[in-house]
């Protein structure tokens, strides 16, 4: 973990135990409502764990060298973007975030390379068949 709760990772594959989350958030067995995270947030985290977005060595090095940090929320959005691209039949997609652009192999669910916004303006992205803006 780095400052601000962001983390740099090589492989995003973390199962989420919903029972553990509800206990951590102070829910008891008599309570109908779980305080803290909404069902949508817990469901999204659970689905991201099953979808397992990974990062190639090259992409990990690019993220590190360019100081790009991805928190859990951003990783979930990337996983959702890959799902959307897969639903449209994409093979290689460009995912644009506020601070970075990621080229992802949809079939392998692997981030191939990453650009920060400054480097993106200077280059041309090739070998993609779709783009998803998050």
C-alpha atoms as a PDB file:
ATOM      1  CA  UNK A   1       0.000   0.000   0.000  1.00  0.00           C
ATOM      2  CA  UNK A   2       1.123   3.514  -0.729  1.00  0.00           C
ATOM      3  CA  UNK A   3      -0.065   6.850   0.589  1.00  0.00           C
ATOM      4  CA  UNK A   4      -3.733   7.507  -0.061  1.00  0.00           C
ATOM      5  CA  UNK A   5      -4.752   3.859  -0.060  1.00  0.00           C
ATOM      6  CA  UNK A   6      -3.609   3.162  -3.628  1.00  0.00           C
ATOM      7  CA  UNK A   7      -1.624   0.100  -4.461  1.00  0.00           C
ATOM      8  CA  UNK A   8       0.638  -1.111  -7.212  1.00  0.00           C
ATOM      9  CA  UNK A   9       0.137  -4.718  -8.161  1.00  0.00           C
ATOM     10  CA  UNK A  10       1.186  -7.306 -10.688  1.00  0.00           C
ATOM     11  CA  UNK A  11      -1.971  -9.413 -10.585  1.00  0.00           C
ATOM     12  CA  UNK A  12      -5.413  -8.296  -9.431  1.00  0.00           C
ATOM     13  CA  UNK A  13      -7.043 -11.442  -8.189  1.00  0.00           C
ATOM     14  CA  UNK A  14      -8.489 -11.149  -4.728  1.00  0.00           C
ATOM     15  CA  UNK A  15     -11.547 -13.105  -3.613  1.00  0.00           C
ATOM     16  CA  UNK A  16     -13.934 -11.264  -1.354  1.00  0.00           C
ATOM     17  CA  UNK A  17     -15.755 -12.981   1.483  1.00  0.00           C
ATOM     18  CA  UNK A  18     -19.079 -11.120   1.813  1.00  0.00           C
ATOM     19  CA  UNK A  19     -19.734 -12.601   5.264  1.00  0.00           C
ATOM     20  CA  UNK A  20     -16.390 -11.296   6.490  1.00  0.00           C
ATOM     21  CA  UNK A  21     -17.150  -7.830   5.100  1.00  0.00           C
ATOM     22  CA  UNK A  22     -20.546  -7.689   6.801  1.00  0.00           C
ATOM     23  CA  UNK A  23     -19.008  -8.731  10.130  1.00  0.00           C
ATOM     24  CA  UNK A  24     -16.228  -6.168   9.727  1.00  0.00           C
ATOM     25  CA  UNK A  25     -18.819  -3.456   9.041  1.00  0.00           C
ATOM     26  CA  UNK A  26     -20.579  -4.199  12.327  1.00  0.00           C
ATOM     27  CA  UNK A  27     -23.610  -6.123  11.104  1.00  0.00           C
ATOM     28  CA  UNK A  28     -25.017  -8.694  13.479  1.00  0.00           C
ATOM     29  CA  UNK A  29     -27.117 -11.738  12.581  1.00  0.00           C
ATOM     30  CA  UNK A  30     -30.325 -10.017  13.705  1.00  0.00           C
ATOM     31  CA  UNK A  31     -29.736  -6.982  11.508  1.00  0.00           C
ATOM     32  CA  UNK A  32     -31.302  -6.835   8.042  1.00  0.00           C
ATOM     33  CA  UNK A  33     -29.144  -3.954   6.840  1.00  0.00           C
ATOM     34  CA  UNK A  34     -25.349  -4.056   6.520  1.00  0.00           C
ATOM     35  CA  UNK A  35     -23.734  -0.756   7.418  1.00  0.00           C
ATOM     36  CA  UNK A  36     -20.851   0.572   5.312  1.00  0.00           C
ATOM     37  CA  UNK A  37     -20.522  -0.871   1.821  1.00  0.00           C
ATOM     38  CA  UNK A  38     -23.606  -1.127  -0.350  1.00  0.00           C
ATOM     39  CA  UNK A  39     -24.605  -4.366  -2.010  1.00  0.00           C
ATOM     40  CA  UNK A  40     -23.507  -2.901  -5.366  1.00  0.00           C
ATOM     41  CA  UNK A  41     -19.999  -2.182  -4.033  1.00  0.00           C
ATOM     42  CA  UNK A  42     -19.636  -5.654  -2.493  1.00  0.00           C
ATOM     43  CA  UNK A  43     -20.997  -7.329  -5.626  1.00  0.00           C
ATOM     44  CA  UNK A  44     -18.631  -5.329  -7.835  1.00  0.00           C
ATOM     45  CA  UNK A  45     -15.621  -6.329  -5.711  1.00  0.00           C
ATOM     46  CA  UNK A  46     -16.685  -9.980  -5.741  1.00  0.00           C
ATOM     47  CA  UNK A  47     -17.082  -9.958  -9.515  1.00  0.00           C
ATOM     48  CA  UNK A  48     -13.700  -8.256 -10.001  1.00  0.00           C
ATOM     49  CA  UNK A  49     -12.063 -11.009  -7.967  1.00  0.00           C
ATOM     50  CA  UNK A  50     -13.569 -13.654 -10.230  1.00  0.00           C
ATOM     51  CA  UNK A  51     -12.720 -11.737 -13.389  1.00  0.00           C
ATOM     52  CA  UNK A  52      -9.034 -11.504 -12.416  1.00  0.00           C
ATOM     53  CA  UNK A  53      -7.439  -8.684 -14.360  1.00  0.00           C
ATOM     54  CA  UNK A  54      -3.682  -9.216 -14.557  1.00  0.00           C
ATOM     55  CA  UNK A  55      -0.814  -6.988 -15.609  1.00  0.00           C
ATOM     56  CA  UNK A  56       2.034  -8.050 -17.880  1.00  0.00           C
ATOM     57  CA  UNK A  57       5.565  -7.438 -16.677  1.00  0.00           C
ATOM     58  CA  UNK A  58       5.877  -4.637 -19.239  1.00  0.00           C
ATOM     59  CA  UNK A  59       2.652  -2.972 -18.069  1.00  0.00           C
ATOM     60  CA  UNK A  60       3.694  -3.271 -14.412  1.00  0.00           C
ATOM     61  CA  UNK A  61       7.029  -1.625 -15.202  1.00  0.00           C
ATOM     62  CA  UNK A  62       5.277   1.165 -17.124  1.00  0.00           C
ATOM     63  CA  UNK A  63       2.856   1.825 -14.283  1.00  0.00           C
ATOM     64  CA  UNK A  64       5.697   1.935 -11.764  1.00  0.00           C
ATOM     65  CA  UNK A  65       8.058   4.080 -13.849  1.00  0.00           C
ATOM     66  CA  UNK A  66       5.324   6.586 -14.649  1.00  0.00           C
ATOM     67  CA  UNK A  67       3.998   6.762 -11.110  1.00  0.00           C
ATOM     68  CA  UNK A  68       0.533   5.515 -12.047  1.00  0.00           C
ATOM     69  CA  UNK A  69      -1.291   4.061  -9.058  1.00  0.00           C
ATOM     70  CA  UNK A  70      -4.520   2.086  -9.319  1.00  0.00           C
ATOM     71  CA  UNK A  71      -6.771   1.741  -6.285  1.00  0.00           C
ATOM     72  CA  UNK A  72      -9.486  -0.910  -5.834  1.00  0.00           C
ATOM     73  CA  UNK A  73     -12.183   1.331  -7.301  1.00  0.00           C
ATOM     74  CA  UNK A  74     -10.149   1.971 -10.453  1.00  0.00           C
ATOM     75  CA  UNK A  75      -9.322  -1.743 -10.808  1.00  0.00           C
ATOM     76  CA  UNK A  76     -13.025  -2.583 -10.568  1.00  0.00           C
ATOM     77  CA  UNK A  77     -13.794  -0.015 -13.270  1.00  0.00           C
ATOM     78  CA  UNK A  78     -11.076  -1.517 -15.476  1.00  0.00           C
ATOM     79  CA  UNK A  79     -12.571  -4.986 -14.961  1.00  0.00           C
ATOM     80  CA  UNK A  80     -16.015  -3.601 -15.879  1.00  0.00           C
ATOM     81  CA  UNK A  81     -14.546  -1.986 -19.009  1.00  0.00           C
ATOM     82  CA  UNK A  82     -12.987  -5.303 -20.066  1.00  0.00           C
ATOM     83  CA  UNK A  83     -16.395  -6.961 -19.588  1.00  0.00           C
ATOM     84  CA  UNK A  84     -18.020  -4.335 -21.834  1.00  0.00           C
ATOM     85  CA  UNK A  85     -15.353  -4.772 -24.504  1.00  0.00           C
ATOM     86  CA  UNK A  86     -15.714  -8.553 -24.325  1.00  0.00           C
ATOM     87  CA  UNK A  87     -19.473  -8.217 -24.742  1.00  0.00           C
ATOM     88  CA  UNK A  88     -18.895  -6.310 -27.975  1.00  0.00           C
ATOM     89  CA  UNK A  89     -16.473  -8.932 -29.319  1.00  0.00           C
ATOM     90  CA  UNK A  90     -13.285  -6.909 -28.849  1.00  0.00           C
ATOM     91  CA  UNK A  91      -9.887  -8.590 -28.824  1.00  0.00           C
ATOM     92  CA  UNK A  92      -7.559  -5.715 -27.896  1.00  0.00           C
ATOM     93  CA  UNK A  93      -9.015  -2.611 -26.270  1.00  0.00           C
ATOM     94  CA  UNK A  94      -7.770   0.761 -25.106  1.00  0.00           C
ATOM     95  CA  UNK A  95      -9.143   1.739 -21.696  1.00  0.00           C
ATOM     96  CA  UNK A  96      -8.913   5.451 -20.953  1.00  0.00           C
ATOM     97  CA  UNK A  97      -9.018   6.637 -17.342  1.00  0.00           C
ATOM     98  CA  UNK A  98      -8.509  10.130 -15.924  1.00  0.00           C
ATOM     99  CA  UNK A  99      -4.802   9.577 -15.392  1.00  0.00           C
ATOM    100  CA  UNK A 100      -3.825   6.735 -17.736  1.00  0.00           C
ATOM    101  CA  UNK A 101      -4.502   4.723 -20.868  1.00  0.00           C
ATOM    102  CA  UNK A 102      -4.228   0.949 -20.744  1.00  0.00           C
ATOM    103  CA  UNK A 103      -4.040  -1.459 -23.682  1.00  0.00           C
ATOM    104  CA  UNK A 104      -5.720  -4.720 -22.649  1.00  0.00           C
ATOM    105  CA  UNK A 105      -5.885  -8.162 -24.207  1.00  0.00           C
ATOM    106  CA  UNK A 106      -9.556  -8.917 -23.643  1.00  0.00           C
ATOM    107  CA  UNK A 107      -9.241 -12.674 -24.212  1.00  0.00           C
ATOM    108  CA  UNK A 108      -6.384 -13.018 -21.697  1.00  0.00           C
ATOM    109  CA  UNK A 109      -7.777 -10.301 -19.382  1.00  0.00           C
ATOM    110  CA  UNK A 110      -4.252  -8.862 -19.235  1.00  0.00           C
ATOM    111  CA  UNK A 111      -3.111  -5.232 -19.323  1.00  0.00           C
ATOM    112  CA  UNK A 112      -0.372  -5.240 -21.963  1.00  0.00           C
ATOM    113  CA  UNK A 113       0.944  -1.703 -21.618  1.00  0.00           C
ATOM    114  CA  UNK A 114       0.124   1.590 -19.925  1.00  0.00           C
ATOM    115  CA  UNK A 115       0.584   5.252 -20.756  1.00  0.00           C
ATOM    116  CA  UNK A 116       0.190   8.307 -18.605  1.00  0.00           C
ATOM    117  CA  UNK A 117      -1.762  11.210 -20.134  1.00  0.00           C
ATOM    118  CA  UNK A 118       1.394  13.108 -21.156  1.00  0.00           C
ATOM    119  CA  UNK A 119       2.864  10.159 -23.086  1.00  0.00           C
ATOM    120  CA  UNK A 120      -0.491   9.372 -24.653  1.00  0.00           C
ATOM    121  CA  UNK A 121      -0.646  12.784 -26.329  1.00  0.00           C
ATOM    122  CA  UNK A 122       2.703  12.178 -28.020  1.00  0.00           C
ATOM    123  CA  UNK A 123       1.982   8.750 -29.505  1.00  0.00           C
ATOM    124  CA  UNK A 124      -0.185   6.608 -31.666  1.00  0.00           C
ATOM    125  CA  UNK A 125      -1.922   3.526 -30.268  1.00  0.00           C
ATOM    126  CA  UNK A 126      -1.957   0.617 -32.723  1.00  0.00           C
ATOM    127  CA  UNK A 127      -3.286  -2.948 -32.747  1.00  0.00           C
ATOM    128  CA  UNK A 128      -6.526  -2.168 -30.913  1.00  0.00           C
ATOM    129  CA  UNK A 129     -10.051  -2.765 -32.128  1.00  0.00           C
ATOM    130  CA  UNK A 130     -11.975  -0.820 -29.489  1.00  0.00           C
ATOM    131  CA  UNK A 131     -11.747   1.818 -26.784  1.00  0.00           C
ATOM    132  CA  UNK A 132     -13.601   2.173 -23.484  1.00  0.00           C
ATOM    133  CA  UNK A 133     -13.605   5.450 -21.572  1.00  0.00           C
ATOM    134  CA  UNK A 134     -14.056   5.199 -17.797  1.00  0.00           C
END
